Amino acid sequence: MGTTNGPDELDARLLLLLSDEPRLGVLECSRRLGVARGTVQARLDRLVQRGVLQGFPPELDLAAMGYGLTAFAWLEIAQGHRTAVSDQLAAIDEVCEVHATTGQGDLFVRMVARSNDDLQRVIDEVVGVPGVRRTSTSIALSTPVPPRVRPLLRRLSGERSGRPGNRDARGPSA
């Protein structure tokens, strides 16, 4: 298992494999990685125990589910109300993520909606949370770089970067 700083090369290779094919079983993972089944199981157990691996949820397309609009909001909140505000934001179904931040805003919120009118409803709910003093909302037009961890896993696994100017570990045509 990796150092206390994070996963080692085998952990990263295992996580890459499961990122690509989350439905693989332990036996198939061990076969593809060339290690014993018990090794894979022990690695998975430790990754879960350490909080590195938090589950295998399906990757969902929110637009295909009818939530085609994504917006981000910076919230300024009353001092000392972060936990209460965060708890109430979590109760709004369309709020997908909330991050406590430094800088001008106190919380950074990702939310989704079905339409502009629906977004206004969601924003009204957010603004109505006691402790929220001010918001600044922006609508996402596209997602040129979706959420990802693969480049970090590739680095940890010993694969070379696929960045321009570097040869990818899969060869020059990759």
N, C-alpha and C. Protein backbone atom coordinates (compact mmCIF):
# COMPACT_ATOMS: atom_id res chain seq x y z
N MET A 1 0.85 -1.18 0.00
CA MET A 1 0.00 0.00 0.00
C MET A 1 0.88 1.23 0.00
N GLY A 2 0.40 2.31 -0.54
CA GLY A 2 1.18 3.53 -0.67
C GLY A 2 1.58 4.12 0.66
N THR A 3 2.39 5.15 0.58
CA THR A 3 2.80 5.85 1.79
C THR A 3 1.61 6.60 2.36
N THR A 4 1.83 7.23 3.49
CA THR A 4 0.74 8.00 4.09
C THR A 4 0.37 9.19 3.22
N ASN A 5 1.22 9.53 2.24
CA ASN A 5 0.93 10.65 1.35
C ASN A 5 -0.04 10.28 0.24
N GLY A 6 -0.28 9.03 0.01
CA GLY A 6 -1.21 8.65 -1.05
C GLY A 6 -0.93 7.28 -1.59
N PRO A 7 -1.68 6.91 -2.62
CA PRO A 7 -1.55 5.59 -3.22
C PRO A 7 -0.18 5.40 -3.88
N ASP A 8 0.30 4.16 -3.88
CA ASP A 8 1.54 3.86 -4.59
C ASP A 8 1.20 3.48 -6.03
N GLU A 9 2.21 3.02 -6.76
CA GLU A 9 2.04 2.71 -8.18
C GLU A 9 0.98 1.63 -8.41
N LEU A 10 1.01 0.56 -7.64
CA LEU A 10 0.02 -0.51 -7.82
C LEU A 10 -1.39 -0.02 -7.47
N ASP A 11 -1.51 0.76 -6.39
CA ASP A 11 -2.81 1.34 -6.05
C ASP A 11 -3.33 2.18 -7.21
N ALA A 12 -2.46 3.01 -7.76
CA ALA A 12 -2.86 3.89 -8.85
C ALA A 12 -3.27 3.09 -10.09
N ARG A 13 -2.52 2.03 -10.40
CA ARG A 13 -2.88 1.18 -11.55
C ARG A 13 -4.24 0.53 -11.32
N LEU A 14 -4.49 0.08 -10.09
CA LEU A 14 -5.78 -0.52 -9.74
C LEU A 14 -6.90 0.51 -9.88
N LEU A 15 -6.68 1.72 -9.38
CA LEU A 15 -7.70 2.76 -9.47
C LEU A 15 -7.95 3.19 -10.92
N LEU A 16 -6.89 3.23 -11.72
CA LEU A 16 -7.07 3.53 -13.15
C LEU A 16 -7.93 2.46 -13.81
N LEU A 17 -7.64 1.21 -13.53
CA LEU A 17 -8.40 0.10 -14.09
C LEU A 17 -9.87 0.21 -13.71
N LEU A 18 -10.13 0.47 -12.44
CA LEU A 18 -11.52 0.57 -11.98
C LEU A 18 -12.19 1.85 -12.46
N SER A 19 -11.41 2.89 -12.70
CA SER A 19 -11.98 4.11 -13.27
C SER A 19 -12.46 3.86 -14.70
N ASP A 20 -11.69 3.07 -15.44
CA ASP A 20 -12.05 2.74 -16.82
C ASP A 20 -13.19 1.73 -16.88
N GLU A 21 -13.16 0.76 -15.98
CA GLU A 21 -14.15 -0.32 -15.99
C GLU A 21 -14.61 -0.62 -14.57
N PRO A 22 -15.51 0.20 -14.03
CA PRO A 22 -15.89 0.07 -12.61
C PRO A 22 -16.61 -1.23 -12.26
N ARG A 23 -17.06 -1.97 -13.25
CA ARG A 23 -17.80 -3.20 -12.96
C ARG A 23 -16.91 -4.44 -12.92
N LEU A 24 -15.59 -4.24 -13.06
CA LEU A 24 -14.67 -5.38 -13.00
C LEU A 24 -14.66 -5.98 -11.60
N GLY A 25 -14.55 -7.28 -11.53
CA GLY A 25 -14.43 -7.97 -10.26
C GLY A 25 -12.99 -8.04 -9.80
N VAL A 26 -12.81 -8.42 -8.57
CA VAL A 26 -11.47 -8.51 -7.97
C VAL A 26 -10.60 -9.50 -8.74
N LEU A 27 -11.15 -10.64 -9.11
CA LEU A 27 -10.38 -11.66 -9.83
C LEU A 27 -9.87 -11.12 -11.17
N GLU A 28 -10.74 -10.44 -11.92
CA GLU A 28 -10.33 -9.89 -13.21
C GLU A 28 -9.29 -8.78 -13.02
N CYS A 29 -9.44 -7.98 -12.00
CA CYS A 29 -8.45 -6.94 -11.71
C CYS A 29 -7.09 -7.58 -11.43
N SER A 30 -7.09 -8.65 -10.63
CA SER A 30 -5.83 -9.31 -10.30
C SER A 30 -5.18 -9.89 -11.56
N ARG A 31 -5.98 -10.46 -12.44
CA ARG A 31 -5.46 -11.02 -13.68
C ARG A 31 -4.81 -9.92 -14.53
N ARG A 32 -5.51 -8.82 -14.70
CA ARG A 32 -4.99 -7.74 -15.55
C ARG A 32 -3.78 -7.04 -14.95
N LEU A 33 -3.71 -6.99 -13.63
CA LEU A 33 -2.58 -6.32 -12.98
C LEU A 33 -1.41 -7.28 -12.74
N GLY A 34 -1.66 -8.58 -12.88
CA GLY A 34 -0.60 -9.56 -12.69
C GLY A 34 -0.21 -9.75 -11.23
N VAL A 35 -1.19 -9.62 -10.35
CA VAL A 35 -0.95 -9.83 -8.91
C VAL A 35 -2.01 -10.78 -8.38
N ALA A 36 -1.80 -11.26 -7.18
CA ALA A 36 -2.75 -12.20 -6.56
C ALA A 36 -4.07 -11.52 -6.23
N ARG A 37 -5.13 -12.33 -6.25
CA ARG A 37 -6.46 -11.85 -5.93
C ARG A 37 -6.50 -11.24 -4.54
N GLY A 38 -5.83 -11.88 -3.58
CA GLY A 38 -5.78 -11.38 -2.21
C GLY A 38 -5.10 -10.01 -2.11
N THR A 39 -4.10 -9.79 -2.98
CA THR A 39 -3.42 -8.50 -3.01
C THR A 39 -4.38 -7.41 -3.43
N VAL A 40 -5.15 -7.68 -4.50
CA VAL A 40 -6.12 -6.70 -4.98
C VAL A 40 -7.17 -6.42 -3.91
N GLN A 41 -7.68 -7.48 -3.28
CA GLN A 41 -8.70 -7.30 -2.25
C GLN A 41 -8.16 -6.50 -1.07
N ALA A 42 -6.94 -6.80 -0.66
CA ALA A 42 -6.34 -6.07 0.46
C ALA A 42 -6.12 -4.60 0.10
N ARG A 43 -5.69 -4.34 -1.14
CA ARG A 43 -5.49 -2.97 -1.59
C ARG A 43 -6.82 -2.21 -1.60
N LEU A 44 -7.86 -2.84 -2.13
CA LEU A 44 -9.18 -2.19 -2.17
C LEU A 44 -9.68 -1.90 -0.75
N ASP A 45 -9.53 -2.87 0.13
CA ASP A 45 -9.98 -2.68 1.52
C ASP A 45 -9.25 -1.50 2.17
N ARG A 46 -7.94 -1.41 1.96
CA ARG A 46 -7.17 -0.31 2.55
C ARG A 46 -7.51 1.02 1.91
N LEU A 47 -7.74 1.03 0.59
CA LEU A 47 -8.12 2.28 -0.08
C LEU A 47 -9.47 2.78 0.43
N VAL A 48 -10.38 1.86 0.68
CA VAL A 48 -11.68 2.23 1.25
C VAL A 48 -11.49 2.72 2.69
N GLN A 49 -10.73 1.98 3.47
CA GLN A 49 -10.51 2.34 4.88
C GLN A 49 -9.87 3.72 5.01
N ARG A 50 -8.94 4.06 4.11
CA ARG A 50 -8.27 5.35 4.16
C ARG A 50 -9.09 6.47 3.53
N GLY A 51 -10.24 6.13 2.93
CA GLY A 51 -11.09 7.15 2.34
C GLY A 51 -10.70 7.56 0.93
N VAL A 52 -9.70 6.88 0.35
CA VAL A 52 -9.29 7.18 -1.03
C VAL A 52 -10.38 6.72 -1.99
N LEU A 53 -10.85 5.52 -1.81
CA LEU A 53 -11.90 4.94 -2.64
C LEU A 53 -13.21 5.04 -1.86
N GLN A 54 -14.14 5.84 -2.39
CA GLN A 54 -15.36 6.11 -1.64
C GLN A 54 -16.59 5.45 -2.24
N GLY A 55 -16.42 4.67 -3.27
CA GLY A 55 -17.56 3.97 -3.83
C GLY A 55 -17.45 3.83 -5.34
N PHE A 56 -18.45 3.23 -5.89
CA PHE A 56 -18.50 3.00 -7.33
C PHE A 56 -19.83 3.51 -7.88
N PRO A 57 -20.11 4.80 -7.73
CA PRO A 57 -21.38 5.28 -8.26
C PRO A 57 -21.34 5.34 -9.78
N PRO A 58 -22.49 5.20 -10.42
CA PRO A 58 -22.50 5.33 -11.88
C PRO A 58 -22.23 6.78 -12.27
N GLU A 59 -21.63 6.97 -13.43
CA GLU A 59 -21.41 8.31 -13.95
C GLU A 59 -22.68 8.72 -14.69
N LEU A 60 -23.33 9.77 -14.24
CA LEU A 60 -24.61 10.18 -14.79
C LEU A 60 -24.48 11.44 -15.62
N ASP A 61 -25.25 11.53 -16.69
CA ASP A 61 -25.32 12.73 -17.51
C ASP A 61 -26.56 13.50 -17.05
N LEU A 62 -26.34 14.57 -16.30
CA LEU A 62 -27.46 15.34 -15.76
C LEU A 62 -28.31 15.96 -16.86
N ALA A 63 -27.70 16.35 -17.97
CA ALA A 63 -28.48 16.91 -19.08
C ALA A 63 -29.45 15.86 -19.63
N ALA A 64 -28.98 14.62 -19.75
CA ALA A 64 -29.86 13.55 -20.24
C ALA A 64 -30.98 13.26 -19.25
N MET A 65 -30.79 13.64 -17.99
CA MET A 65 -31.82 13.46 -16.97
C MET A 65 -32.77 14.65 -16.90
N GLY A 66 -32.55 15.64 -17.77
CA GLY A 66 -33.43 16.80 -17.81
C GLY A 66 -32.87 18.03 -17.11
N TYR A 67 -31.68 17.93 -16.56
CA TYR A 67 -31.04 19.07 -15.90
C TYR A 67 -29.90 19.58 -16.77
N GLY A 68 -30.24 20.26 -17.86
CA GLY A 68 -29.26 20.69 -18.85
C GLY A 68 -28.55 21.98 -18.53
N LEU A 69 -28.93 22.64 -17.46
CA LEU A 69 -28.33 23.91 -17.11
C LEU A 69 -27.52 23.75 -15.83
N THR A 70 -26.25 24.13 -15.89
CA THR A 70 -25.38 24.10 -14.71
C THR A 70 -24.98 25.53 -14.39
N ALA A 71 -25.02 25.87 -13.11
CA ALA A 71 -24.62 27.21 -12.67
C ALA A 71 -23.72 27.08 -11.45
N PHE A 72 -22.93 28.12 -11.26
CA PHE A 72 -22.03 28.20 -10.11
C PHE A 72 -22.32 29.49 -9.38
N ALA A 73 -22.32 29.44 -8.07
CA ALA A 73 -22.59 30.64 -7.28
C ALA A 73 -21.56 30.79 -6.17
N TRP A 74 -21.09 32.01 -6.02
CA TRP A 74 -20.28 32.38 -4.85
C TRP A 74 -21.25 32.92 -3.83
N LEU A 75 -21.19 32.39 -2.63
CA LEU A 75 -22.05 32.86 -1.55
C LEU A 75 -21.22 33.53 -0.48
N GLU A 76 -21.66 34.71 -0.07
CA GLU A 76 -21.11 35.34 1.12
C GLU A 76 -22.11 35.07 2.22
N ILE A 77 -21.61 34.55 3.33
CA ILE A 77 -22.52 34.16 4.41
C ILE A 77 -22.16 34.90 5.70
N ALA A 78 -23.11 34.94 6.61
CA ALA A 78 -22.87 35.56 7.91
C ALA A 78 -21.81 34.76 8.65
N GLN A 79 -20.93 35.48 9.33
CA GLN A 79 -19.84 34.84 10.05
C GLN A 79 -20.38 33.84 11.07
N GLY A 80 -19.75 32.66 11.08
CA GLY A 80 -20.13 31.63 12.04
C GLY A 80 -21.31 30.77 11.62
N HIS A 81 -21.79 30.94 10.38
CA HIS A 81 -22.97 30.20 9.92
C HIS A 81 -22.67 29.15 8.85
N ARG A 82 -21.38 28.85 8.63
CA ARG A 82 -21.03 27.93 7.53
C ARG A 82 -21.72 26.58 7.67
N THR A 83 -21.71 25.98 8.82
CA THR A 83 -22.30 24.65 8.98
C THR A 83 -23.82 24.69 8.77
N ALA A 84 -24.47 25.65 9.37
CA ALA A 84 -25.94 25.75 9.23
C ALA A 84 -26.33 26.02 7.78
N VAL A 85 -25.62 26.93 7.12
CA VAL A 85 -25.91 27.24 5.72
C VAL A 85 -25.64 26.02 4.85
N SER A 86 -24.52 25.35 5.07
CA SER A 86 -24.18 24.16 4.29
C SER A 86 -25.24 23.08 4.45
N ASP A 87 -25.69 22.87 5.67
CA ASP A 87 -26.73 21.87 5.92
C ASP A 87 -28.01 22.20 5.16
N GLN A 88 -28.39 23.46 5.14
CA GLN A 88 -29.61 23.84 4.43
C GLN A 88 -29.44 23.79 2.92
N LEU A 89 -28.25 24.10 2.43
CA LEU A 89 -27.99 23.96 0.99
C LEU A 89 -28.07 22.50 0.58
N ALA A 90 -27.60 21.61 1.44
CA ALA A 90 -27.65 20.17 1.15
C ALA A 90 -29.09 19.68 1.02
N ALA A 91 -30.04 20.40 1.58
CA ALA A 91 -31.45 20.01 1.50
C ALA A 91 -32.10 20.46 0.20
N ILE A 92 -31.39 21.25 -0.61
CA ILE A 92 -31.90 21.68 -1.91
C ILE A 92 -31.43 20.66 -2.95
N ASP A 93 -32.36 19.93 -3.54
CA ASP A 93 -32.01 18.82 -4.44
C ASP A 93 -31.09 19.23 -5.58
N GLU A 94 -31.26 20.41 -6.12
CA GLU A 94 -30.48 20.83 -7.29
C GLU A 94 -29.07 21.30 -6.94
N VAL A 95 -28.75 21.42 -5.67
CA VAL A 95 -27.39 21.78 -5.24
C VAL A 95 -26.56 20.50 -5.27
N CYS A 96 -25.58 20.47 -6.18
CA CYS A 96 -24.76 19.27 -6.38
C CYS A 96 -23.51 19.25 -5.52
N GLU A 97 -22.92 20.41 -5.29
CA GLU A 97 -21.67 20.50 -4.52
C GLU A 97 -21.63 21.82 -3.79
N VAL A 98 -21.00 21.83 -2.64
CA VAL A 98 -20.72 23.07 -1.91
C VAL A 98 -19.30 22.97 -1.37
N HIS A 99 -18.50 23.99 -1.65
CA HIS A 99 -17.12 24.03 -1.18
C HIS A 99 -16.91 25.28 -0.34
N ALA A 100 -16.31 25.14 0.84
CA ALA A 100 -15.90 26.28 1.64
C ALA A 100 -14.60 26.80 1.03
N THR A 101 -14.51 28.11 0.82
CA THR A 101 -13.38 28.68 0.09
C THR A 101 -12.76 29.85 0.83
N THR A 102 -11.62 30.27 0.32
CA THR A 102 -11.00 31.52 0.76
C THR A 102 -11.29 32.55 -0.31
N GLY A 103 -10.99 33.80 -0.03
CA GLY A 103 -11.20 34.85 -1.03
C GLY A 103 -12.50 35.60 -0.78
N GLN A 104 -13.06 36.16 -1.85
CA GLN A 104 -14.25 37.01 -1.72
C GLN A 104 -15.47 36.26 -1.23
N GLY A 105 -15.70 35.08 -1.75
CA GLY A 105 -16.86 34.30 -1.33
C GLY A 105 -16.49 33.34 -0.22
N ASP A 106 -17.50 32.90 0.51
CA ASP A 106 -17.29 31.94 1.59
C ASP A 106 -17.58 30.51 1.13
N LEU A 107 -18.59 30.37 0.27
CA LEU A 107 -18.98 29.05 -0.24
C LEU A 107 -19.10 29.13 -1.75
N PHE A 108 -18.66 28.07 -2.41
CA PHE A 108 -18.78 27.95 -3.87
C PHE A 108 -19.75 26.80 -4.12
N VAL A 109 -20.81 27.08 -4.86
CA VAL A 109 -21.91 26.13 -5.02
C VAL A 109 -22.07 25.78 -6.50
N ARG A 110 -22.16 24.49 -6.79
CA ARG A 110 -22.53 24.03 -8.14
C ARG A 110 -23.96 23.55 -8.05
N MET A 111 -24.80 24.08 -8.94
CA MET A 111 -26.21 23.69 -8.95
C MET A 111 -26.65 23.43 -10.38
N VAL A 112 -27.72 22.68 -10.51
CA VAL A 112 -28.29 22.37 -11.82
C VAL A 112 -29.75 22.76 -11.84
N ALA A 113 -30.26 22.93 -13.07
CA ALA A 113 -31.66 23.29 -13.23
C ALA A 113 -32.13 22.79 -14.59
N ARG A 114 -33.45 22.77 -14.76
CA ARG A 114 -34.04 22.31 -16.03
C ARG A 114 -34.14 23.43 -17.06
N SER A 115 -34.21 24.68 -16.60
CA SER A 115 -34.38 25.83 -17.50
C SER A 115 -33.95 27.08 -16.74
N ASN A 116 -33.95 28.22 -17.43
CA ASN A 116 -33.64 29.48 -16.77
C ASN A 116 -34.65 29.78 -15.66
N ASP A 117 -35.94 29.55 -15.94
CA ASP A 117 -36.96 29.76 -14.90
C ASP A 117 -36.72 28.86 -13.70
N ASP A 118 -36.35 27.62 -13.96
CA ASP A 118 -36.07 26.68 -12.88
C ASP A 118 -34.84 27.13 -12.10
N LEU A 119 -33.82 27.65 -12.81
CA LEU A 119 -32.63 28.15 -12.13
C LEU A 119 -33.00 29.31 -11.21
N GLN A 120 -33.89 30.18 -11.67
CA GLN A 120 -34.31 31.29 -10.81
C GLN A 120 -34.94 30.77 -9.52
N ARG A 121 -35.74 29.72 -9.65
CA ARG A 121 -36.36 29.10 -8.47
C ARG A 121 -35.29 28.56 -7.52
N VAL A 122 -34.27 27.89 -8.08
CA VAL A 122 -33.20 27.32 -7.26
C VAL A 122 -32.42 28.45 -6.58
N ILE A 123 -32.09 29.50 -7.33
CA ILE A 123 -31.37 30.64 -6.75
C ILE A 123 -32.19 31.27 -5.63
N ASP A 124 -33.49 31.41 -5.84
CA ASP A 124 -34.35 31.96 -4.80
C ASP A 124 -34.30 31.10 -3.54
N GLU A 125 -34.26 29.77 -3.71
CA GLU A 125 -34.13 28.89 -2.54
C GLU A 125 -32.80 29.11 -1.83
N VAL A 126 -31.72 29.23 -2.61
CA VAL A 126 -30.40 29.44 -2.04
C VAL A 126 -30.35 30.77 -1.29
N VAL A 127 -30.85 31.83 -1.91
CA VAL A 127 -30.85 33.15 -1.29
C VAL A 127 -31.73 33.17 -0.05
N GLY A 128 -32.74 32.33 -0.02
CA GLY A 128 -33.64 32.27 1.12
C GLY A 128 -33.08 31.53 2.33
N VAL A 129 -31.93 30.93 2.20
CA VAL A 129 -31.32 30.22 3.33
C VAL A 129 -30.84 31.25 4.35
N PRO A 130 -31.29 31.15 5.59
CA PRO A 130 -30.82 32.08 6.61
C PRO A 130 -29.30 32.02 6.75
N GLY A 131 -28.68 33.20 6.76
CA GLY A 131 -27.23 33.28 6.85
C GLY A 131 -26.58 33.60 5.51
N VAL A 132 -27.30 33.44 4.40
CA VAL A 132 -26.76 33.82 3.09
C VAL A 132 -26.97 35.32 2.93
N ARG A 133 -25.88 36.05 2.77
CA ARG A 133 -25.97 37.51 2.67
C ARG A 133 -25.97 38.00 1.23
N ARG A 134 -25.20 37.34 0.37
CA ARG A 134 -25.08 37.81 -1.01
C ARG A 134 -24.65 36.64 -1.89
N THR A 135 -25.10 36.66 -3.13
CA THR A 135 -24.69 35.63 -4.08
C THR A 135 -24.26 36.29 -5.38
N SER A 136 -23.42 35.58 -6.11
CA SER A 136 -23.05 35.95 -7.47
C SER A 136 -23.06 34.66 -8.27
N THR A 137 -23.96 34.59 -9.25
CA THR A 137 -24.18 33.34 -9.99
C THR A 137 -23.75 33.48 -11.43
N SER A 138 -23.13 32.43 -11.96
CA SER A 138 -22.76 32.36 -13.37
C SER A 138 -23.28 31.05 -13.94
N ILE A 139 -23.74 31.11 -15.18
CA ILE A 139 -24.22 29.91 -15.87
C ILE A 139 -23.07 29.33 -16.70
N ALA A 140 -22.87 28.03 -16.59
CA ALA A 140 -21.85 27.36 -17.39
C ALA A 140 -22.35 27.20 -18.82
N LEU A 141 -21.55 27.60 -19.79
CA LEU A 141 -21.91 27.45 -21.20
C LEU A 141 -21.46 26.10 -21.74
N SER A 142 -20.34 25.60 -21.23
CA SER A 142 -19.84 24.29 -21.64
C SER A 142 -18.88 23.80 -20.56
N THR A 143 -18.43 22.57 -20.71
CA THR A 143 -17.48 21.98 -19.76
C THR A 143 -16.29 21.43 -20.55
N PRO A 144 -15.35 22.32 -20.91
CA PRO A 144 -14.22 21.86 -21.72
C PRO A 144 -13.34 20.83 -21.01
N VAL A 145 -13.26 20.88 -19.69
CA VAL A 145 -12.52 19.89 -18.91
C VAL A 145 -13.47 19.40 -17.82
N PRO A 146 -14.07 18.22 -18.00
CA PRO A 146 -14.97 17.70 -16.97
C PRO A 146 -14.20 17.25 -15.73
N PRO A 147 -14.91 17.03 -14.62
CA PRO A 147 -14.21 16.55 -13.42
C PRO A 147 -13.39 15.30 -13.75
N ARG A 148 -12.16 15.26 -13.26
CA ARG A 148 -11.28 14.15 -13.61
C ARG A 148 -10.24 13.93 -12.53
N VAL A 149 -9.79 12.71 -12.42
CA VAL A 149 -8.66 12.36 -11.56
C VAL A 149 -7.67 11.49 -12.32
N ARG A 150 -8.03 11.10 -13.52
CA ARG A 150 -7.19 10.19 -14.30
C ARG A 150 -5.74 10.67 -14.47
N PRO A 151 -5.50 11.96 -14.78
CA PRO A 151 -4.10 12.38 -14.93
C PRO A 151 -3.29 12.18 -13.65
N LEU A 152 -3.90 12.39 -12.50
CA LEU A 152 -3.19 12.18 -11.23
C LEU A 152 -2.90 10.71 -11.02
N LEU A 153 -3.88 9.85 -11.33
CA LEU A 153 -3.67 8.41 -11.20
C LEU A 153 -2.58 7.93 -12.15
N ARG A 154 -2.57 8.48 -13.37
CA ARG A 154 -1.54 8.09 -14.34
C ARG A 154 -0.16 8.46 -13.83
N ARG A 155 -0.04 9.65 -13.24
CA ARG A 155 1.25 10.07 -12.69
C ARG A 155 1.69 9.11 -11.59
N LEU A 156 0.76 8.79 -10.68
CA LEU A 156 1.10 7.89 -9.57
C LEU A 156 1.42 6.48 -10.04
N SER A 157 0.80 6.07 -11.15
CA SER A 157 1.02 4.71 -11.65
C SER A 157 2.32 4.57 -12.42
N GLY A 158 2.99 5.68 -12.67
CA GLY A 158 4.25 5.63 -13.41
C GLY A 158 4.09 5.86 -14.89
N GLU A 159 2.85 6.02 -15.37
CA GLU A 159 2.65 6.33 -16.79
C GLU A 159 3.09 7.77 -17.02
N ARG A 160 3.51 8.04 -18.24
CA ARG A 160 3.91 9.40 -18.58
C ARG A 160 2.68 10.21 -18.96
N SER A 161 2.82 11.50 -18.86
CA SER A 161 1.72 12.42 -19.14
C SER A 161 1.32 12.36 -20.61
N GLY A 162 0.06 12.54 -20.87
CA GLY A 162 -0.44 12.64 -22.23
C GLY A 162 -0.50 14.07 -22.71
N ARG A 163 0.18 15.00 -22.02
CA ARG A 163 0.17 16.41 -22.39
C ARG A 163 0.90 16.60 -23.71
N PRO A 164 0.52 17.66 -24.47
CA PRO A 164 1.24 17.95 -25.71
C PRO A 164 2.72 18.12 -25.43
N GLY A 165 3.53 17.57 -26.30
CA GLY A 165 4.97 17.65 -26.14
C GLY A 165 5.56 16.47 -25.40
N ASN A 166 4.74 15.69 -24.76
CA ASN A 166 5.20 14.49 -24.07
C ASN A 166 4.62 13.27 -24.75
N ARG A 167 5.41 12.23 -24.83
CA ARG A 167 4.89 10.99 -25.39
C ARG A 167 4.03 10.28 -24.38
N ASP A 168 2.87 9.87 -24.78
CA ASP A 168 1.97 9.12 -23.92
C ASP A 168 2.53 7.72 -23.74
N ALA A 169 2.27 7.11 -22.62
CA ALA A 169 2.77 5.76 -22.33
C ALA A 169 2.26 4.71 -23.30
N ARG A 170 1.16 5.06 -24.01
CA ARG A 170 0.59 4.09 -24.94
C ARG A 170 1.23 4.19 -26.32
N GLY A 171 2.12 5.15 -26.51
CA GLY A 171 2.81 5.25 -27.79
C GLY A 171 2.51 6.56 -28.49
N PRO A 172 3.19 6.84 -29.60
CA PRO A 172 3.08 8.12 -30.29
C PRO A 172 1.71 8.35 -30.93
N SER A 173 0.95 7.31 -31.23
CA SER A 173 -0.33 7.52 -31.90
C SER A 173 -1.49 7.63 -30.92
N ALA A 174 -1.20 7.56 -29.62
CA ALA A 174 -2.28 7.61 -28.62
C ALA A 174 -2.84 8.99 -28.48
